[in-house]
Amino acid sequence: MNSYVNMGVGALLGTVFVLMTVSITSEGIFHAEVPEKEGYAIVAEAASEGEAGADTAAAAETPIATLLASADAAAGEAVFKKCVSCHTADKGGANKVGPNLFGIVERPVASHEGFGYSAPMTEFSQGGAVTWTYDNLSHFLAAPKKFIPGTAMGFAGLKKEDERANLIAYLRTLADTPVALPAADAAAAPAEAAPAPADAAATEAAPAAPAADAAPAEAAPAPAATDAAPATDAAPAPAANN
């Protein structure tokens, strides 16, 4: 074998030996044990998800009927500026990234002519049976992708109740004949009606008292029988005299 080859192989082996020796020595000197207990437990991601869920739940707490009673359509027009990049609002306006929104309130979902809706939105519409009611608009605008999973709408949503109500009040004006506002007390009616069964039970129980009072009335003839007893005793008296 050539002496140069021998020298090269020897140098390579020597280098590998030195590197391995340094590595093993360094590991022995600077080796650190794994701590039995972590110094800090970071759960920031889980907390953010919890906060997002809390925000969504809070957004659904106040009925939209109640919010619309004090909503400001003029303020809603200002909020609508967030939507103009994707939607038009004028009658007969062109579709953009999203459909034209004139007459959106109570319009069947996924029904605007000339616009291609996503499959989830079309499925949600149930063939046009579902309309954009005030409640549906409120839920959708609060969290579009949560209300209709898979929708192509990229808007994050309006978490503030007053902004959402103002925007819906403005959308209501985009019509030849605006749809009537829902009664503000409509949502509270079921809650107020809940005690009715208890009151009805009390009403049904009330006639039981007169029934109890009627019992002495049936016993009233008993004294009459007692009074008749002397008459029976008196009848034989004249016979004895005869």
C-alpha atoms as a PDB file:
ATOM      1  CA  MET A   1       0.000   0.000   0.000  1.00  0.00           C
ATOM      2  CA  ASN A   2       1.266   3.484  -0.809  1.00  0.00           C
ATOM      3  CA  SER A   3       2.793   5.270   2.169  1.00  0.00           C
ATOM      4  CA  TYR A   4       0.736   8.383   1.451  1.00  0.00           C
ATOM      5  CA  VAL A   5      -2.418   6.360   1.696  1.00  0.00           C
ATOM      6  CA  ASN A   6      -1.309   4.935   4.986  1.00  0.00           C
ATOM      7  CA  MET A   7      -0.574   8.394   6.291  1.00  0.00           C
ATOM      8  CA  GLY A   8      -3.993   9.676   5.173  1.00  0.00           C
ATOM      9  CA  VAL A   9      -5.864   6.783   6.765  1.00  0.00           C
ATOM     10  CA  GLY A  10      -3.860   7.181   9.948  1.00  0.00           C
ATOM     11  CA  ALA A  11      -4.591  10.900  10.099  1.00  0.00           C
ATOM     12  CA  LEU A  12      -8.308  10.273   9.568  1.00  0.00           C
ATOM     13  CA  LEU A  13      -8.457   7.647  12.295  1.00  0.00           C
ATOM     14  CA  GLY A  14      -6.464   9.858  14.610  1.00  0.00           C
ATOM     15  CA  THR A  15      -8.848  12.766  14.026  1.00  0.00           C
ATOM     16  CA  VAL A  16     -11.925  10.583  14.660  1.00  0.00           C
ATOM     17  CA  PHE A  17     -10.328   9.269  17.851  1.00  0.00           C
ATOM     18  CA  VAL A  18      -9.578  12.788  19.116  1.00  0.00           C
ATOM     19  CA  LEU A  19     -13.113  14.009  18.363  1.00  0.00           C
ATOM     20  CA  MET A  20     -14.719  11.051  20.105  1.00  0.00           C
ATOM     21  CA  THR A  21     -12.464  11.546  23.113  1.00  0.00           C
ATOM     22  CA  VAL A  22     -13.322  15.238  23.376  1.00  0.00           C
ATOM     23  CA  SER A  23     -17.046  14.497  23.004  1.00  0.00           C
ATOM     24  CA  ILE A  24     -17.095  11.836  25.708  1.00  0.00           C
ATOM     25  CA  THR A  25     -15.008  13.995  28.044  1.00  0.00           C
ATOM     26  CA  SER A  26     -17.222  17.051  27.513  1.00  0.00           C
ATOM     27  CA  GLU A  27     -20.372  15.074  28.186  1.00  0.00           C
ATOM     28  CA  GLY A  28     -18.955  13.777  31.431  1.00  0.00           C
ATOM     29  CA  ILE A  29     -17.914  17.241  32.585  1.00  0.00           C
ATOM     30  CA  PHE A  30     -20.944  19.279  31.519  1.00  0.00           C
ATOM     31  CA  HIS A  31     -23.704  16.648  31.846  1.00  0.00           C
ATOM     32  CA  ALA A  32     -26.867  18.071  33.468  1.00  0.00           C
ATOM     33  CA  GLU A  33     -29.512  15.940  35.116  1.00  0.00           C
ATOM     34  CA  VAL A  34     -33.159  16.336  34.034  1.00  0.00           C
ATOM     35  CA  PRO A  35     -35.007  18.250  36.800  1.00  0.00           C
ATOM     36  CA  GLU A  36     -37.602  16.256  38.694  1.00  0.00           C
ATOM     37  CA  LYS A  37     -40.045  19.176  38.551  1.00  0.00           C
ATOM     38  CA  GLU A  38     -40.426  21.823  35.870  1.00  0.00           C
ATOM     39  CA  GLY A  39     -39.719  25.366  36.961  1.00  0.00           C
ATOM     40  CA  TYR A  40     -42.654  26.821  35.017  1.00  0.00           C
ATOM     41  CA  ALA A  41     -45.760  25.382  33.409  1.00  0.00           C
ATOM     42  CA  ILE A  42     -46.791  27.448  30.373  1.00  0.00           C
ATOM     43  CA  VAL A  43     -50.408  27.052  29.226  1.00  0.00           C
ATOM     44  CA  ALA A  44     -50.807  30.281  27.275  1.00  0.00           C
ATOM     45  CA  GLU A  45     -52.344  28.586  24.226  1.00  0.00           C
ATOM     46  CA  ALA A  46     -55.045  26.825  26.242  1.00  0.00           C
ATOM     47  CA  ALA A  47     -55.883  30.062  28.030  1.00  0.00           C
ATOM     48  CA  SER A  48     -56.344  31.916  24.769  1.00  0.00           C
ATOM     49  CA  GLU A  49     -58.734  29.260  23.509  1.00  0.00           C
ATOM     50  CA  GLY A  50     -60.735  29.530  26.726  1.00  0.00           C
ATOM     51  CA  GLU A  51     -60.930  33.294  26.372  1.00  0.00           C
ATOM     52  CA  ALA A  52     -62.119  32.941  22.778  1.00  0.00           C
ATOM     53  CA  GLY A  53     -64.884  30.595  23.901  1.00  0.00           C
ATOM     54  CA  ALA A  54     -65.864  32.987  26.667  1.00  0.00           C
ATOM     55  CA  ASP A  55     -66.046  35.883  24.185  1.00  0.00           C
ATOM     56  CA  THR A  56     -68.304  33.881  21.868  1.00  0.00           C
ATOM     57  CA  ALA A  57     -70.581  32.844  24.741  1.00  0.00           C
ATOM     58  CA  ALA A  58     -70.757  36.423  25.983  1.00  0.00           C
ATOM     59  CA  ALA A  59     -71.695  37.590  22.487  1.00  0.00           C
ATOM     60  CA  ALA A  60     -74.748  35.371  22.508  1.00  0.00           C
ATOM     61  CA  GLU A  61     -75.998  36.374  25.969  1.00  0.00           C
ATOM     62  CA  THR A  62     -78.162  39.377  25.039  1.00  0.00           C
ATOM     63  CA  PRO A  63     -80.965  38.629  22.545  1.00  0.00           C
ATOM     64  CA  ILE A  64     -80.671  40.597  19.325  1.00  0.00           C
ATOM     65  CA  ALA A  65     -84.283  41.747  19.731  1.00  0.00           C
ATOM     66  CA  THR A  66     -83.267  43.557  22.908  1.00  0.00           C
ATOM     67  CA  LEU A  67     -80.161  45.061  21.315  1.00  0.00           C
ATOM     68  CA  LEU A  68     -82.023  46.308  18.239  1.00  0.00           C
ATOM     69  CA  ALA A  69     -84.434  48.282  20.405  1.00  0.00           C
ATOM     70  CA  SER A  70     -81.633  50.781  21.099  1.00  0.00           C
ATOM     71  CA  ALA A  71     -79.456  50.223  18.018  1.00  0.00           C
ATOM     72  CA  ASP A  72     -78.254  53.130  15.865  1.00  0.00           C
ATOM     73  CA  ALA A  73     -78.417  52.571  12.110  1.00  0.00           C
ATOM     74  CA  ALA A  74     -76.222  55.614  11.444  1.00  0.00           C
ATOM     75  CA  ALA A  75     -73.499  54.142  13.644  1.00  0.00           C
ATOM     76  CA  GLY A  76     -74.022  50.837  11.853  1.00  0.00           C
ATOM     77  CA  GLU A  77     -73.277  52.521   8.524  1.00  0.00           C
ATOM     78  CA  ALA A  78     -69.864  53.418   9.921  1.00  0.00           C
ATOM     79  CA  VAL A  79     -69.335  49.802  10.994  1.00  0.00           C
ATOM     80  CA  PHE A  80     -70.286  48.688   7.476  1.00  0.00           C
ATOM     81  CA  LYS A  81     -67.056  50.280   6.201  1.00  0.00           C
ATOM     82  CA  LYS A  82     -65.392  47.070   7.359  1.00  0.00           C
ATOM     83  CA  CYS A  83     -67.513  45.212   4.800  1.00  0.00           C
ATOM     84  CA  VAL A  84     -67.239  47.408   1.693  1.00  0.00           C
ATOM     85  CA  SER A  85     -64.140  45.648   0.398  1.00  0.00           C
ATOM     86  CA  CYS A  86     -66.233  42.484  -0.113  1.00  0.00           C
ATOM     87  CA  HIS A  87     -69.863  43.660  -0.379  1.00  0.00           C
ATOM     88  CA  THR A  88     -71.964  46.336  -2.085  1.00  0.00           C
ATOM     89  CA  ALA A  89     -75.089  47.744  -0.447  1.00  0.00           C
ATOM     90  CA  ASP A  90     -76.924  49.593  -3.226  1.00  0.00           C
ATOM     91  CA  LYS A  91     -79.992  48.161  -4.959  1.00  0.00           C
ATOM     92  CA  GLY A  92     -78.892  46.149  -7.987  1.00  0.00           C
ATOM     93  CA  GLY A  93     -75.253  46.486  -6.939  1.00  0.00           C
ATOM     94  CA  ALA A  94     -72.659  44.093  -8.299  1.00  0.00           C
ATOM     95  CA  ASN A  95     -71.389  41.077  -6.432  1.00  0.00           C
ATOM     96  CA  LYS A  96     -67.796  41.304  -5.258  1.00  0.00           C
ATOM     97  CA  VAL A  97     -65.934  38.789  -3.111  1.00  0.00           C
ATOM     98  CA  GLY A  98     -69.268  38.484  -1.307  1.00  0.00           C
ATOM     99  CA  PRO A  99     -72.843  38.968  -2.578  1.00  0.00           C
ATOM    100  CA  ASN A 100     -74.705  42.274  -2.751  1.00  0.00           C
ATOM    101  CA  LEU A 101     -76.456  42.916   0.582  1.00  0.00           C
ATOM    102  CA  PHE A 102     -79.468  44.993  -0.467  1.00  0.00           C
ATOM    103  CA  GLY A 103     -82.540  43.320   1.010  1.00  0.00           C
ATOM    104  CA  ILE A 104     -80.447  40.898   3.079  1.00  0.00           C
ATOM    105  CA  VAL A 105     -82.825  40.815   6.085  1.00  0.00           C
ATOM    106  CA  GLU A 106     -85.225  37.855   5.713  1.00  0.00           C
ATOM    107  CA  ARG A 107     -83.698  36.954   2.331  1.00  0.00           C
ATOM    108  CA  PRO A 108     -83.288  33.191   1.827  1.00  0.00           C
ATOM    109  CA  VAL A 109     -79.734  32.144   2.595  1.00  0.00           C
ATOM    110  CA  ALA A 110     -77.450  31.520  -0.408  1.00  0.00           C
ATOM    111  CA  SER A 111     -80.053  32.824  -2.852  1.00  0.00           C
ATOM    112  CA  HIS A 112     -78.625  36.007  -4.386  1.00  0.00           C
ATOM    113  CA  GLU A 113     -78.615  35.696  -8.149  1.00  0.00           C
ATOM    114  CA  GLY A 114     -75.258  35.404  -9.867  1.00  0.00           C
ATOM    115  CA  PHE A 115     -73.162  34.622  -6.798  1.00  0.00           C
ATOM    116  CA  GLY A 116     -71.426  31.298  -6.265  1.00  0.00           C
ATOM    117  CA  TYR A 117     -71.869  30.217  -2.660  1.00  0.00           C
ATOM    118  CA  SER A 118     -69.694  27.740  -0.787  1.00  0.00           C
ATOM    119  CA  ALA A 119     -70.994  24.222  -0.195  1.00  0.00           C
ATOM    120  CA  PRO A 120     -71.388  24.739   3.607  1.00  0.00           C
ATOM    121  CA  MET A 121     -73.446  27.902   3.032  1.00  0.00           C
ATOM    122  CA  THR A 122     -75.634  26.174   0.457  1.00  0.00           C
ATOM    123  CA  GLU A 123     -76.164  23.228   2.809  1.00  0.00           C
ATOM    124  CA  PHE A 124     -77.054  25.592   5.658  1.00  0.00           C
ATOM    125  CA  SER A 125     -79.723  27.238   3.500  1.00  0.00           C
ATOM    126  CA  GLN A 126     -81.677  23.952   3.207  1.00  0.00           C
ATOM    127  CA  GLY A 127     -82.704  24.813  -0.305  1.00  0.00           C
ATOM    128  CA  GLY A 128     -83.815  28.329   0.574  1.00  0.00           C
ATOM    129  CA  ALA A 129     -85.940  27.310   3.556  1.00  0.00           C
ATOM    130  CA  VAL A 130     -83.610  29.143   5.968  1.00  0.00           C
ATOM    131  CA  THR A 131     -83.631  32.935   5.807  1.00  0.00           C
ATOM    132  CA  TRP A 132     -81.403  35.663   7.183  1.00  0.00           C
ATOM    133  CA  THR A 133     -83.488  36.413  10.243  1.00  0.00           C
ATOM    134  CA  TYR A 134     -82.247  38.917  12.794  1.00  0.00           C
ATOM    135  CA  ASP A 135     -81.071  36.031  14.982  1.00  0.00           C
ATOM    136  CA  ASN A 136     -79.214  34.297  12.130  1.00  0.00           C
ATOM    137  CA  LEU A 137     -77.538  37.550  11.121  1.00  0.00           C
ATOM    138  CA  SER A 138     -76.466  38.195  14.707  1.00  0.00           C
ATOM    139  CA  HIS A 139     -74.967  34.739  15.214  1.00  0.00           C
ATOM    140  CA  PHE A 140     -73.243  34.772  11.825  1.00  0.00           C
ATOM    141  CA  LEU A 141     -71.754  38.240  12.244  1.00  0.00           C
ATOM    142  CA  ALA A 142     -70.507  37.366  15.737  1.00  0.00           C
ATOM    143  CA  ALA A 143     -68.455  34.378  14.512  1.00  0.00           C
ATOM    144  CA  PRO A 144     -69.005  33.397  10.858  1.00  0.00           C
ATOM    145  CA  LYS A 145     -66.863  30.263  10.804  1.00  0.00           C
ATOM    146  CA  LYS A 146     -68.304  29.003  14.056  1.00  0.00           C
ATOM    147  CA  PHE A 147     -71.932  29.535  13.057  1.00  0.00           C
ATOM    148  CA  ILE A 148     -71.433  28.012   9.586  1.00  0.00           C
ATOM    149  CA  PRO A 149     -68.266  25.870   9.699  1.00  0.00           C
ATOM    150  CA  GLY A 150     -66.438  25.856   6.385  1.00  0.00           C
ATOM    151  CA  THR A 151     -67.917  29.110   5.077  1.00  0.00           C
ATOM    152  CA  ALA A 152     -65.714  30.981   2.625  1.00  0.00           C
ATOM    153  CA  MET A 153     -66.292  34.269   4.462  1.00  0.00           C
ATOM    154  CA  GLY A 154     -62.945  35.285   5.934  1.00  0.00           C
ATOM    155  CA  PHE A 155     -64.299  37.954   8.299  1.00  0.00           C
ATOM    156  CA  ALA A 156     -63.305  37.342  11.923  1.00  0.00           C
ATOM    157  CA  GLY A 157     -66.607  38.609  13.327  1.00  0.00           C
ATOM    158  CA  LEU A 158     -67.970  41.423  15.485  1.00  0.00           C
ATOM    159  CA  LYS A 159     -67.592  40.516  19.147  1.00  0.00           C
ATOM    160  CA  LYS A 160     -69.032  43.760  20.531  1.00  0.00           C
ATOM    161  CA  GLU A 161     -72.790  43.535  20.888  1.00  0.00           C
ATOM    162  CA  ASP A 162     -73.470  47.213  20.208  1.00  0.00           C
ATOM    163  CA  GLU A 163     -71.438  47.205  16.975  1.00  0.00           C
ATOM    164  CA  ARG A 164     -73.202  44.080  15.763  1.00  0.00           C
ATOM    165  CA  ALA A 165     -76.658  45.461  16.591  1.00  0.00           C
ATOM    166  CA  ASN A 166     -75.875  48.789  14.919  1.00  0.00           C
ATOM    167  CA  LEU A 167     -74.669  47.011  11.778  1.00  0.00           C
ATOM    168  CA  ILE A 168     -77.820  44.873  11.604  1.00  0.00           C
ATOM    169  CA  ALA A 169     -79.951  47.987  12.116  1.00  0.00           C
ATOM    170  CA  TYR A 170     -78.164  49.525   9.117  1.00  0.00           C
ATOM    171  CA  LEU A 171     -78.574  46.369   7.009  1.00  0.00           C
ATOM    172  CA  ARG A 172     -82.300  46.548   7.773  1.00  0.00           C
ATOM    173  CA  THR A 173     -82.467  49.926   6.026  1.00  0.00           C
ATOM    174  CA  LEU A 174     -81.102  48.387   2.821  1.00  0.00           C
ATOM    175  CA  ALA A 175     -84.544  47.506   1.487  1.00  0.00           C
ATOM    176  CA  ASP A 176     -87.510  49.049  -0.296  1.00  0.00           C
ATOM    177  CA  THR A 177     -89.610  48.124   2.726  1.00  0.00           C
ATOM    178  CA  PRO A 178     -87.522  47.417   5.853  1.00  0.00           C
ATOM    179  CA  VAL A 179     -88.527  44.314   7.800  1.00  0.00           C
ATOM    180  CA  ALA A 180     -90.250  45.078  11.097  1.00  0.00           C
ATOM    181  CA  LEU A 181     -88.065  44.964  14.171  1.00  0.00           C
ATOM    182  CA  PRO A 182     -88.678  42.076  16.578  1.00  0.00           C
ATOM    183  CA  ALA A 183     -90.413  42.857  19.861  1.00  0.00           C
ATOM    184  CA  ALA A 184     -87.806  43.686  22.488  1.00  0.00           C
ATOM    185  CA  ASP A 185     -89.668  41.654  25.135  1.00  0.00           C
ATOM    186  CA  ALA A 186     -90.150  38.597  22.896  1.00  0.00           C
ATOM    187  CA  ALA A 187     -87.103  36.852  24.278  1.00  0.00           C
ATOM    188  CA  ALA A 188     -88.104  37.559  27.884  1.00  0.00           C
ATOM    189  CA  ALA A 189     -91.651  36.217  27.466  1.00  0.00           C
ATOM    190  CA  PRO A 190     -90.778  32.512  27.873  1.00  0.00           C
ATOM    191  CA  ALA A 191     -88.850  33.247  31.052  1.00  0.00           C
ATOM    192  CA  GLU A 192     -91.733  35.222  32.535  1.00  0.00           C
ATOM    193  CA  ALA A 193     -94.209  32.493  31.606  1.00  0.00           C
ATOM    194  CA  ALA A 194     -92.239  29.829  33.453  1.00  0.00           C
ATOM    195  CA  PRO A 195     -93.899  30.395  36.912  1.00  0.00           C
ATOM    196  CA  ALA A 196     -97.363  29.915  35.361  1.00  0.00           C
ATOM    197  CA  PRO A 197     -97.549  26.159  36.098  1.00  0.00           C
ATOM    198  CA  ALA A 198     -96.965  26.846  39.795  1.00  0.00           C
ATOM    199  CA  ASP A 199     -99.757  29.443  39.821  1.00  0.00           C
ATOM    200  CA  ALA A 200    -102.043  27.050  37.970  1.00  0.00           C
ATOM    201  CA  ALA A 201    -101.365  24.367  40.528  1.00  0.00           C
ATOM    202  CA  ALA A 202    -102.351  26.762  43.285  1.00  0.00           C
ATOM    203  CA  THR A 203    -105.521  27.674  41.391  1.00  0.00           C
ATOM    204  CA  GLU A 204    -106.454  24.032  40.927  1.00  0.00           C
ATOM    205  CA  ALA A 205    -105.855  23.369  44.606  1.00  0.00           C
ATOM    206  CA  ALA A 206    -108.140  26.229  45.690  1.00  0.00           C
ATOM    207  CA  PRO A 207    -111.494  24.382  45.183  1.00  0.00           C
ATOM    208  CA  ALA A 208    -110.335  21.713  47.648  1.00  0.00           C
ATOM    209  CA  ALA A 209    -111.059  24.054  50.572  1.00  0.00           C
ATOM    210  CA  PRO A 210    -114.805  24.414  49.897  1.00  0.00           C
ATOM    211  CA  ALA A 211    -115.001  20.646  49.573  1.00  0.00           C
ATOM    212  CA  ALA A 212    -113.707  20.319  53.103  1.00  0.00           C
ATOM    213  CA  ASP A 213    -116.211  22.921  54.283  1.00  0.00           C
ATOM    214  CA  ALA A 214    -119.053  20.960  52.701  1.00  0.00           C
ATOM    215  CA  ALA A 215    -118.568  18.019  55.053  1.00  0.00           C
ATOM    216  CA  PRO A 216    -120.321  19.647  58.076  1.00  0.00           C
ATOM    217  CA  ALA A 217    -123.298  20.468  55.816  1.00  0.00           C
ATOM    218  CA  GLU A 218    -123.927  16.757  55.263  1.00  0.00           C
ATOM    219  CA  ALA A 219    -123.817  16.189  59.005  1.00  0.00           C
ATOM    220  CA  ALA A 220    -126.507  18.859  59.630  1.00  0.00           C
ATOM    221  CA  PRO A 221    -129.511  16.452  59.417  1.00  0.00           C
ATOM    222  CA  ALA A 222    -128.171  14.496  62.401  1.00  0.00           C
ATOM    223  CA  PRO A 223    -129.616  16.905  65.002  1.00  0.00           C
ATOM    224  CA  ALA A 224    -133.022  16.570  63.293  1.00  0.00           C
ATOM    225  CA  ALA A 225    -133.024  12.855  63.998  1.00  0.00           C
ATOM    226  CA  THR A 226    -132.203  13.588  67.610  1.00  0.00           C
ATOM    227  CA  ASP A 227    -135.108  16.040  67.883  1.00  0.00           C
ATOM    228  CA  ALA A 228    -137.510  13.460  66.477  1.00  0.00           C
ATOM    229  CA  ALA A 229    -136.741  11.025  69.244  1.00  0.00           C
ATOM    230  CA  PRO A 230    -138.940  12.748  71.891  1.00  0.00           C
ATOM    231  CA  ALA A 231    -141.871  12.684  69.471  1.00  0.00           C
ATOM    232  CA  THR A 232    -141.631   8.914  69.332  1.00  0.00           C
ATOM    233  CA  ASP A 233    -141.561   8.721  73.115  1.00  0.00           C
ATOM    234  CA  ALA A 234    -144.566  11.051  73.397  1.00  0.00           C
ATOM    235  CA  ALA A 235    -146.878   8.953  71.225  1.00  0.00           C
ATOM    236  CA  PRO A 236    -147.402   6.120  73.742  1.00  0.00           C
ATOM    237  CA  ALA A 237    -148.374   8.515  76.511  1.00  0.00           C
ATOM    238  CA  PRO A 238    -151.974   9.028  75.444  1.00  0.00           C
ATOM    239  CA  ALA A 239    -152.356   5.264  74.862  1.00  0.00           C
ATOM    240  CA  ALA A 240    -151.392   4.638  78.445  1.00  0.00           C
ATOM    241  CA  ASN A 241    -154.027   7.107  79.561  1.00  0.00           C
ATOM    242  CA  ASN A 242    -156.671   5.255  77.534  1.00  0.00           C
END
